Amino acid sequence: MPEITVSDSLYRQLVDASGGDELDETMWRMVHKYQRGNSPGE
């Protein structure tokens, strides 16, 4: 899996958004929502 580097500020926002869930799981949910919101016709 590729490594992504983010600022400390963004990392803290992601951890807060995870609400205690696993950070990887949170990231996949965000990717899924982004894909659904940017796919015409769905």
N, C-alpha and C. Protein backbone atom coordinates (compact mmCIF):
# COMPACT_ATOMS: atom_id res chain seq x y z
N MET A 1 0.86 -1.17 0.00
CA MET A 1 0.00 0.00 0.00
C MET A 1 0.91 1.24 0.00
N PRO A 2 0.58 2.23 -0.80
CA PRO A 2 1.39 3.45 -0.82
C PRO A 2 1.29 4.21 0.50
N GLU A 3 2.32 4.96 0.78
CA GLU A 3 2.33 5.77 1.99
C GLU A 3 1.94 7.19 1.64
N ILE A 4 1.08 7.78 2.46
CA ILE A 4 0.62 9.16 2.26
C ILE A 4 1.08 9.98 3.44
N THR A 5 1.71 11.10 3.16
CA THR A 5 2.18 11.99 4.21
C THR A 5 1.24 13.18 4.31
N VAL A 6 0.76 13.45 5.52
CA VAL A 6 -0.13 14.60 5.75
C VAL A 6 0.43 15.44 6.89
N SER A 7 -0.03 16.66 6.97
CA SER A 7 0.41 17.54 8.05
C SER A 7 -0.14 17.05 9.38
N ASP A 8 0.50 17.48 10.47
CA ASP A 8 0.01 17.11 11.81
C ASP A 8 -1.42 17.58 12.01
N SER A 9 -1.73 18.76 11.50
CA SER A 9 -3.07 19.32 11.65
C SER A 9 -4.11 18.44 10.96
N LEU A 10 -3.84 18.03 9.73
CA LEU A 10 -4.77 17.18 8.99
C LEU A 10 -4.88 15.81 9.66
N TYR A 11 -3.77 15.29 10.13
CA TYR A 11 -3.79 13.99 10.81
C TYR A 11 -4.70 14.05 12.03
N ARG A 12 -4.58 15.11 12.82
CA ARG A 12 -5.44 15.26 14.01
C ARG A 12 -6.91 15.34 13.60
N GLN A 13 -7.21 16.02 12.50
CA GLN A 13 -8.60 16.10 12.02
C GLN A 13 -9.11 14.72 11.62
N LEU A 14 -8.26 13.92 10.97
CA LEU A 14 -8.66 12.57 10.57
C LEU A 14 -8.90 11.69 11.79
N VAL A 15 -8.03 11.79 12.78
CA VAL A 15 -8.20 11.01 14.00
C VAL A 15 -9.50 11.42 14.70
N ASP A 16 -9.77 12.72 14.76
CA ASP A 16 -11.02 13.19 15.37
C ASP A 16 -12.23 12.66 14.60
N ALA A 17 -12.15 12.67 13.27
CA ALA A 17 -13.26 12.21 12.43
C ALA A 17 -13.49 10.71 12.59
N SER A 18 -12.44 9.97 12.97
CA SER A 18 -12.58 8.52 13.10
C SER A 18 -13.45 8.15 14.30
N GLY A 19 -13.58 9.06 15.26
CA GLY A 19 -14.45 8.80 16.41
C GLY A 19 -14.06 7.56 17.19
N GLY A 20 -12.77 7.25 17.23
CA GLY A 20 -12.32 6.07 17.97
C GLY A 20 -12.23 4.82 17.13
N ASP A 21 -12.73 4.86 15.89
CA ASP A 21 -12.60 3.71 14.99
C ASP A 21 -11.18 3.63 14.47
N GLU A 22 -10.85 2.52 13.85
CA GLU A 22 -9.55 2.35 13.21
C GLU A 22 -9.40 3.39 12.11
N LEU A 23 -8.26 4.06 12.06
CA LEU A 23 -8.05 5.14 11.10
C LEU A 23 -8.15 4.64 9.65
N ASP A 24 -7.61 3.46 9.36
CA ASP A 24 -7.71 2.91 7.99
C ASP A 24 -9.17 2.73 7.59
N GLU A 25 -9.97 2.22 8.51
CA GLU A 25 -11.40 2.01 8.23
C GLU A 25 -12.08 3.34 7.92
N THR A 26 -11.75 4.36 8.69
CA THR A 26 -12.31 5.69 8.48
C THR A 26 -11.93 6.22 7.10
N MET A 27 -10.66 6.04 6.72
CA MET A 27 -10.19 6.53 5.42
C MET A 27 -10.94 5.83 4.28
N TRP A 28 -11.15 4.51 4.38
CA TRP A 28 -11.87 3.79 3.34
C TRP A 28 -13.32 4.27 3.23
N ARG A 29 -13.95 4.56 4.38
CA ARG A 29 -15.32 5.10 4.35
C ARG A 29 -15.35 6.44 3.63
N MET A 30 -14.34 7.29 3.90
CA MET A 30 -14.28 8.61 3.25
C MET A 30 -14.09 8.46 1.74
N VAL A 31 -13.23 7.53 1.33
CA VAL A 31 -13.01 7.29 -0.10
C VAL A 31 -14.30 6.81 -0.75
N HIS A 32 -15.00 5.91 -0.09
CA HIS A 32 -16.25 5.38 -0.63
C HIS A 32 -17.29 6.50 -0.80
N LYS A 33 -17.42 7.35 0.21
CA LYS A 33 -18.37 8.48 0.11
C LYS A 33 -17.99 9.42 -1.01
N TYR A 34 -16.69 9.69 -1.16
CA TYR A 34 -16.22 10.57 -2.22
C TYR A 34 -16.56 9.97 -3.58
N GLN A 35 -16.30 8.68 -3.77
CA GLN A 35 -16.57 8.02 -5.04
C GLN A 35 -18.06 8.05 -5.36
N ARG A 36 -18.89 7.79 -4.36
CA ARG A 36 -20.34 7.80 -4.59
C ARG A 36 -20.82 9.20 -4.96
N GLY A 37 -20.26 10.20 -4.32
CA GLY A 37 -20.68 11.58 -4.57
C GLY A 37 -20.17 12.14 -5.88
N ASN A 38 -19.18 11.48 -6.48
CA ASN A 38 -18.59 11.99 -7.71
C ASN A 38 -18.75 11.05 -8.88
N SER A 39 -19.72 10.13 -8.79
CA SER A 39 -20.01 9.20 -9.88
C SER A 39 -21.37 9.54 -10.48
N PRO A 40 -21.39 10.16 -11.66
CA PRO A 40 -22.67 10.51 -12.27
C PRO A 40 -23.52 9.28 -12.56
N GLY A 41 -24.79 9.43 -12.38
CA GLY A 41 -25.73 8.37 -12.72
C GLY A 41 -25.98 7.38 -11.61
N GLU A 42 -25.39 7.58 -10.47
CA GLU A 42 -25.63 6.62 -9.38
C GLU A 42 -26.49 7.25 -8.31
